[in-house]
């Protein structure tokens, strides 16, 4: 039941991706590279905060490169 926040390096939340449960999402969440307005994000480094309802949080960095 983990969910994910996509953020800029300064902590601005671009999008929240909520888990629909393991029966629907399996054990993964997918980000399509878009912000909450539906626009593709610019090239750069972003933070992914994967969190559980219990409060456990895992932070990762991801690089987006657009041609």
PDB file of N, CA and C in Angstrom:
ATOM      1  N   UNK A   1       0.807  -1.208   0.000  1.00  0.00           N
ATOM      2  CA  UNK A   1       0.000   0.000   0.000  1.00  0.00           C
ATOM      3  C   UNK A   1       0.843   1.261   0.000  1.00  0.00           C
ATOM      4  N   UNK A   2       2.056   1.190  -0.532  1.00  0.00           N
ATOM      5  CA  UNK A   2       2.917   2.362  -0.601  1.00  0.00           C
ATOM      6  C   UNK A   2       2.401   3.334  -1.654  1.00  0.00           C
ATOM      7  N   UNK A   3       2.682   4.620  -1.448  1.00  0.00           N
ATOM      8  CA  UNK A   3       2.373   5.650  -2.420  1.00  0.00           C
ATOM      9  C   UNK A   3       3.650   6.432  -2.681  1.00  0.00           C
ATOM     10  N   UNK A   4       3.625   7.357  -3.646  1.00  0.00           N
ATOM     11  CA  UNK A   4       4.853   8.035  -4.031  1.00  0.00           C
ATOM     12  C   UNK A   4       4.595   9.504  -4.323  1.00  0.00           C
ATOM     13  N   UNK A   5       5.535  10.351  -3.863  1.00  0.00           N
ATOM     14  CA  UNK A   5       5.551  11.759  -4.210  1.00  0.00           C
ATOM     15  C   UNK A   5       6.715  11.993  -5.159  1.00  0.00           C
ATOM     16  N   UNK A   6       6.473  12.747  -6.232  1.00  0.00           N
ATOM     17  CA  UNK A   6       7.527  13.176  -7.142  1.00  0.00           C
ATOM     18  C   UNK A   6       7.779  14.642  -6.826  1.00  0.00           C
ATOM     19  N   UNK A   7       9.044  14.974  -6.493  1.00  0.00           N
ATOM     20  CA  UNK A   7       9.363  16.323  -6.027  1.00  0.00           C
ATOM     21  C   UNK A   7      10.599  16.876  -6.719  1.00  0.00           C
ATOM     22  N   UNK A   8      10.696  18.197  -6.741  1.00  0.00           N
ATOM     23  CA  UNK A   8      11.931  18.849  -7.166  1.00  0.00           C
ATOM     24  C   UNK A   8      12.942  18.706  -6.031  1.00  0.00           C
ATOM     25  N   UNK A   9      14.197  19.033  -6.307  1.00  0.00           N
ATOM     26  CA  UNK A   9      15.227  18.909  -5.274  1.00  0.00           C
ATOM     27  C   UNK A   9      14.998  19.842  -4.095  1.00  0.00           C
ATOM     28  N   UNK A  10      14.261  20.926  -4.301  1.00  0.00           N
ATOM     29  CA  UNK A  10      13.967  21.826  -3.184  1.00  0.00           C
ATOM     30  C   UNK A  10      12.675  21.464  -2.446  1.00  0.00           C
ATOM     31  N   UNK A  11      12.084  20.301  -2.791  1.00  0.00           N
ATOM     32  CA  UNK A  11      10.936  19.797  -2.046  1.00  0.00           C
ATOM     33  C   UNK A  11       9.576  20.161  -2.594  1.00  0.00           C
ATOM     34  N   UNK A  12       9.506  20.850  -3.725  1.00  0.00           N
ATOM     35  CA  UNK A  12       8.224  21.194  -4.329  1.00  0.00           C
ATOM     36  C   UNK A  12       7.573  19.926  -4.894  1.00  0.00           C
ATOM     37  N   UNK A  13       6.372  19.605  -4.441  1.00  0.00           N
ATOM     38  CA  UNK A  13       5.686  18.389  -4.886  1.00  0.00           C
ATOM     39  C   UNK A  13       5.073  18.619  -6.258  1.00  0.00           C
ATOM     40  N   UNK A  14       5.494  17.799  -7.222  1.00  0.00           N
ATOM     41  CA  UNK A  14       4.987  17.895  -8.585  1.00  0.00           C
ATOM     42  C   UNK A  14       3.803  16.966  -8.816  1.00  0.00           C
ATOM     43  N   UNK A  15       3.832  15.821  -8.141  1.00  0.00           N
ATOM     44  CA  UNK A  15       2.763  14.844  -8.353  1.00  0.00           C
ATOM     45  C   UNK A  15       2.748  13.826  -7.216  1.00  0.00           C
ATOM     46  N   UNK A  16       1.562  13.377  -6.886  1.00  0.00           N
ATOM     47  CA  UNK A  16       1.399  12.293  -5.910  1.00  0.00           C
ATOM     48  C   UNK A  16       0.766  11.115  -6.642  1.00  0.00           C
ATOM     49  N   UNK A  17       1.375   9.961  -6.487  1.00  0.00           N
ATOM     50  CA  UNK A  17       0.869   8.738  -7.104  1.00  0.00           C
ATOM     51  C   UNK A  17       0.472   7.801  -5.973  1.00  0.00           C
ATOM     52  N   UNK A  18      -0.821   7.594  -5.834  1.00  0.00           N
ATOM     53  CA  UNK A  18      -1.332   6.755  -4.749  1.00  0.00           C
ATOM     54  C   UNK A  18      -1.476   5.317  -5.222  1.00  0.00           C
ATOM     55  N   UNK A  19      -1.103   4.414  -4.362  1.00  0.00           N
ATOM     56  CA  UNK A  19      -1.267   2.994  -4.653  1.00  0.00           C
ATOM     57  C   UNK A  19      -2.748   2.640  -4.650  1.00  0.00           C
ATOM     58  N   UNK A  20      -3.121   1.793  -5.586  1.00  0.00           N
ATOM     59  CA  UNK A  20      -4.490   1.294  -5.622  1.00  0.00           C
ATOM     60  C   UNK A  20      -4.575  -0.093  -4.992  1.00  0.00           C
ATOM     61  N   UNK A  21      -3.498  -0.505  -4.344  1.00  0.00           N
ATOM     62  CA  UNK A  21      -3.465  -1.802  -3.684  1.00  0.00           C
ATOM     63  C   UNK A  21      -2.675  -2.813  -4.493  1.00  0.00           C
ATOM     64  N   UNK A  22      -2.157  -3.789  -3.819  1.00  0.00           N
ATOM     65  CA  UNK A  22      -1.295  -4.777  -4.468  1.00  0.00           C
ATOM     66  C   UNK A  22      -2.044  -5.602  -5.518  1.00  0.00           C
ATOM     67  N   UNK A  23      -3.354  -5.765  -5.364  1.00  0.00           N
ATOM     68  CA  UNK A  23      -4.127  -6.518  -6.357  1.00  0.00           C
ATOM     69  C   UNK A  23      -4.197  -5.794  -7.696  1.00  0.00           C
ATOM     70  N   UNK A  24      -4.081  -4.465  -7.693  1.00  0.00           N
ATOM     71  CA  UNK A  24      -4.150  -3.678  -8.926  1.00  0.00           C
ATOM     72  C   UNK A  24      -2.750  -3.275  -9.396  1.00  0.00           C
ATOM     73  N   UNK A  25      -1.936  -2.695  -8.497  1.00  0.00           N
ATOM     74  CA  UNK A  25      -0.609  -2.193  -8.855  1.00  0.00           C
ATOM     75  C   UNK A  25       0.489  -3.254  -8.792  1.00  0.00           C
ATOM     76  N   UNK A  26       0.215  -4.373  -8.153  1.00  0.00           N
ATOM     77  CA  UNK A  26       1.292  -5.329  -7.901  1.00  0.00           C
ATOM     78  C   UNK A  26       2.240  -4.728  -6.887  1.00  0.00           C
ATOM     79  N   UNK A  27       3.523  -4.989  -7.035  1.00  0.00           N
ATOM     80  CA  UNK A  27       4.491  -4.448  -6.081  1.00  0.00           C
ATOM     81  C   UNK A  27       5.279  -3.283  -6.666  1.00  0.00           C
ATOM     82  N   UNK A  28       4.654  -2.530  -7.580  1.00  0.00           N
ATOM     83  CA  UNK A  28       5.345  -1.393  -8.178  1.00  0.00           C
ATOM     84  C   UNK A  28       4.384  -0.230  -8.421  1.00  0.00           C
ATOM     85  N   UNK A  29       4.943   0.970  -8.452  1.00  0.00           N
ATOM     86  CA  UNK A  29       4.213   2.165  -8.841  1.00  0.00           C
ATOM     87  C   UNK A  29       4.893   2.719 -10.087  1.00  0.00           C
ATOM     88  N   UNK A  30       4.123   3.291 -10.991  1.00  0.00           N
ATOM     89  CA  UNK A  30       4.666   3.788 -12.249  1.00  0.00           C
ATOM     90  C   UNK A  30       4.407   5.287 -12.356  1.00  0.00           C
ATOM     91  N   UNK A  31       5.467   6.028 -12.706  1.00  0.00           N
ATOM     92  CA  UNK A  31       5.356   7.462 -12.974  1.00  0.00           C
ATOM     93  C   UNK A  31       5.594   7.674 -14.457  1.00  0.00           C
ATOM     94  N   UNK A  32       4.702   8.389 -15.115  1.00  0.00           N
ATOM     95  CA  UNK A  32       4.784   8.604 -16.561  1.00  0.00           C
ATOM     96  C   UNK A  32       5.569   9.853 -16.950  1.00  0.00           C
ATOM     97  N   UNK A  33       6.224  10.499 -15.989  1.00  0.00           N
ATOM     98  CA  UNK A  33       7.037  11.676 -16.284  1.00  0.00           C
ATOM     99  C   UNK A  33       6.256  12.979 -16.330  1.00  0.00           C
ATOM    100  N   UNK A  34       4.992  12.938 -15.895  1.00  0.00           N
ATOM    101  CA  UNK A  34       4.148  14.140 -15.932  1.00  0.00           C
ATOM    102  C   UNK A  34       3.929  14.696 -14.523  1.00  0.00           C
ATOM    103  N   UNK A  35       3.657  15.993 -14.471  1.00  0.00           N
ATOM    104  CA  UNK A  35       3.315  16.621 -13.197  1.00  0.00           C
ATOM    105  C   UNK A  35       1.802  16.501 -12.967  1.00  0.00           C
ATOM    106  N   UNK A  36       1.306  17.111 -11.905  1.00  0.00           N
ATOM    107  CA  UNK A  36      -0.120  16.975 -11.574  1.00  0.00           C
ATOM    108  C   UNK A  36      -1.036  17.673 -12.579  1.00  0.00           C
ATOM    109  N   UNK A  37      -0.492  18.594 -13.391  1.00  0.00           N
ATOM    110  CA  UNK A  37      -1.283  19.259 -14.432  1.00  0.00           C
ATOM    111  C   UNK A  37      -1.294  18.461 -15.738  1.00  0.00           C
ATOM    112  N   UNK A  38      -0.534  17.371 -15.784  1.00  0.00           N
ATOM    113  CA  UNK A  38      -0.490  16.546 -16.985  1.00  0.00           C
ATOM    114  C   UNK A  38       0.616  16.904 -17.955  1.00  0.00           C
ATOM    115  N   UNK A  39       1.468  17.866 -17.580  1.00  0.00           N
ATOM    116  CA  UNK A  39       2.574  18.285 -18.434  1.00  0.00           C
ATOM    117  C   UNK A  39       3.823  17.463 -18.111  1.00  0.00           C
ATOM    118  N   UNK A  40       4.610  17.136 -19.154  1.00  0.00           N
ATOM    119  CA  UNK A  40       5.869  16.447 -18.915  1.00  0.00           C
ATOM    120  C   UNK A  40       6.823  17.370 -18.171  1.00  0.00           C
ATOM    121  N   UNK A  41       7.562  16.812 -17.199  1.00  0.00           N
ATOM    122  CA  UNK A  41       8.529  17.612 -16.458  1.00  0.00           C
ATOM    123  C   UNK A  41       9.743  17.885 -17.331  1.00  0.00           C
ATOM    124  N   UNK A  42      10.504  18.881 -16.987  1.00  0.00           N
ATOM    125  CA  UNK A  42      11.723  19.246 -17.711  1.00  0.00           C
ATOM    126  C   UNK A  42      12.844  18.280 -17.362  1.00  0.00           C
ATOM    127  N   UNK A  43      13.890  18.288 -18.185  1.00  0.00           N
ATOM    128  CA  UNK A  43      15.084  17.509 -17.857  1.00  0.00           C
ATOM    129  C   UNK A  43      15.624  17.992 -16.521  1.00  0.00           C
ATOM    130  N   UNK A  44      16.088  17.071 -15.711  1.00  0.00           N
ATOM    131  CA  UNK A  44      16.643  17.432 -14.414  1.00  0.00           C
ATOM    132  C   UNK A  44      16.614  16.262 -13.461  1.00  0.00           C
ATOM    133  N   UNK A  45      16.987  16.541 -12.230  1.00  0.00           N
ATOM    134  CA  UNK A  45      17.011  15.532 -11.171  1.00  0.00           C
ATOM    135  C   UNK A  45      15.807  15.759 -10.271  1.00  0.00           C
ATOM    136  N   UNK A  46      15.121  14.678  -9.937  1.00  0.00           N
ATOM    137  CA  UNK A  46      13.916  14.741  -9.115  1.00  0.00           C
ATOM    138  C   UNK A  46      14.030  13.749  -7.964  1.00  0.00           C
ATOM    139  N   UNK A  47      13.293  14.016  -6.915  1.00  0.00           N
ATOM    140  CA  UNK A  47      13.233  13.118  -5.762  1.00  0.00           C
ATOM    141  C   UNK A  47      11.948  12.316  -5.816  1.00  0.00           C
ATOM    142  N   UNK A  48      12.055  11.044  -5.485  1.00  0.00           N
ATOM    143  CA  UNK A  48      10.890  10.181  -5.318  1.00  0.00           C
ATOM    144  C   UNK A  48      10.826   9.808  -3.849  1.00  0.00           C
ATOM    145  N   UNK A  49       9.736  10.131  -3.205  1.00  0.00           N
ATOM    146  CA  UNK A  49       9.515   9.758  -1.807  1.00  0.00           C
ATOM    147  C   UNK A  49       8.448   8.680  -1.798  1.00  0.00           C
ATOM    148  N   UNK A  50       8.874   7.459  -1.512  1.00  0.00           N
ATOM    149  CA  UNK A  50       7.948   6.332  -1.448  1.00  0.00           C
ATOM    150  C   UNK A  50       7.602   6.136   0.022  1.00  0.00           C
ATOM    151  N   UNK A  51       6.315   6.165   0.327  1.00  0.00           N
ATOM    152  CA  UNK A  51       5.924   6.114   1.731  1.00  0.00           C
ATOM    153  C   UNK A  51       4.782   5.125   1.952  1.00  0.00           C
ATOM    154  N   UNK A  52       4.753   4.608   3.171  1.00  0.00           N
ATOM    155  CA  UNK A  52       3.704   3.678   3.605  1.00  0.00           C
ATOM    156  C   UNK A  52       2.804   4.365   4.613  1.00  0.00           C
ATOM    157  N   UNK A  53       1.576   3.874   4.770  1.00  0.00           N
ATOM    158  CA  UNK A  53       0.674   4.451   5.772  1.00  0.00           C
ATOM    159  C   UNK A  53       1.262   4.437   7.185  1.00  0.00           C
ATOM    160  N   UNK A  54       2.175   3.501   7.464  1.00  0.00           N
ATOM    161  CA  UNK A  54       2.781   3.409   8.793  1.00  0.00           C
ATOM    162  C   UNK A  54       3.760   4.546   9.062  1.00  0.00           C
ATOM    163  N   UNK A  55       4.119   5.317   8.012  1.00  0.00           N
ATOM    164  CA  UNK A  55       5.046   6.421   8.179  1.00  0.00           C
ATOM    165  C   UNK A  55       6.442   6.138   7.654  1.00  0.00           C
ATOM    166  N   UNK A  56       6.744   4.929   7.244  1.00  0.00           N
ATOM    167  CA  UNK A  56       8.044   4.575   6.687  1.00  0.00           C
ATOM    168  C   UNK A  56       8.222   5.256   5.330  1.00  0.00           C
ATOM    169  N   UNK A  57       9.364   5.927   5.158  1.00  0.00           N
ATOM    170  CA  UNK A  57       9.623   6.668   3.912  1.00  0.00           C
ATOM    171  C   UNK A  57      10.975   6.253   3.343  1.00  0.00           C
ATOM    172  N   UNK A  58      11.024   6.055   2.041  1.00  0.00           N
ATOM    173  CA  UNK A  58      12.268   5.784   1.319  1.00  0.00           C
ATOM    174  C   UNK A  58      12.428   6.871   0.267  1.00  0.00           C
ATOM    175  N   UNK A  59      13.582   7.536   0.241  1.00  0.00           N
ATOM    176  CA  UNK A  59      13.847   8.600  -0.729  1.00  0.00           C
ATOM    177  C   UNK A  59      14.818   8.084  -1.783  1.00  0.00           C
ATOM    178  N   UNK A  60      14.540   8.407  -3.038  1.00  0.00           N
ATOM    179  CA  UNK A  60      15.419   8.058  -4.156  1.00  0.00           C
ATOM    180  C   UNK A  60      15.506   9.237  -5.086  1.00  0.00           C
ATOM    181  N   UNK A  61      16.579   9.304  -5.872  1.00  0.00           N
ATOM    182  CA  UNK A  61      16.722  10.335  -6.901  1.00  0.00           C
ATOM    183  C   UNK A  61      16.533   9.692  -8.266  1.00  0.00           C
ATOM    184  N   UNK A  62      15.986  10.462  -9.195  1.00  0.00           N
ATOM    185  CA  UNK A  62      15.817  10.003 -10.565  1.00  0.00           C
ATOM    186  C   UNK A  62      16.195  11.159 -11.488  1.00  0.00           C
ATOM    187  N   UNK A  63      16.841  10.824 -12.599  1.00  0.00           N
ATOM    188  CA  UNK A  63      17.216  11.831 -13.583  1.00  0.00           C
ATOM    189  C   UNK A  63      16.316  11.679 -14.809  1.00  0.00           C
ATOM    190  N   UNK A  64      15.749  12.788 -15.241  1.00  0.00           N
ATOM    191  CA  UNK A  64      14.925  12.817 -16.458  1.00  0.00           C
ATOM    192  C   UNK A  64      15.742  13.531 -17.530  1.00  0.00           C
ATOM    193  N   UNK A  65      15.900  12.875 -18.680  1.00  0.00           N
ATOM    194  CA  UNK A  65      16.607  13.468 -19.809  1.00  0.00           C
ATOM    195  C   UNK A  65      15.678  13.454 -21.005  1.00  0.00           C
ATOM    196  N   UNK A  66      15.360  14.644 -21.505  1.00  0.00           N
ATOM    197  CA  UNK A  66      14.462  14.758 -22.657  1.00  0.00           C
ATOM    198  C   UNK A  66      15.287  15.051 -23.895  1.00  0.00           C
ATOM    199  N   UNK A  67      14.935  14.435 -25.000  1.00  0.00           N
ATOM    200  CA  UNK A  67      15.632  14.672 -26.267  1.00  0.00           C
ATOM    201  C   UNK A  67      15.107  15.921 -26.927  1.00  0.00           C
TER     202      UNK A  67
END
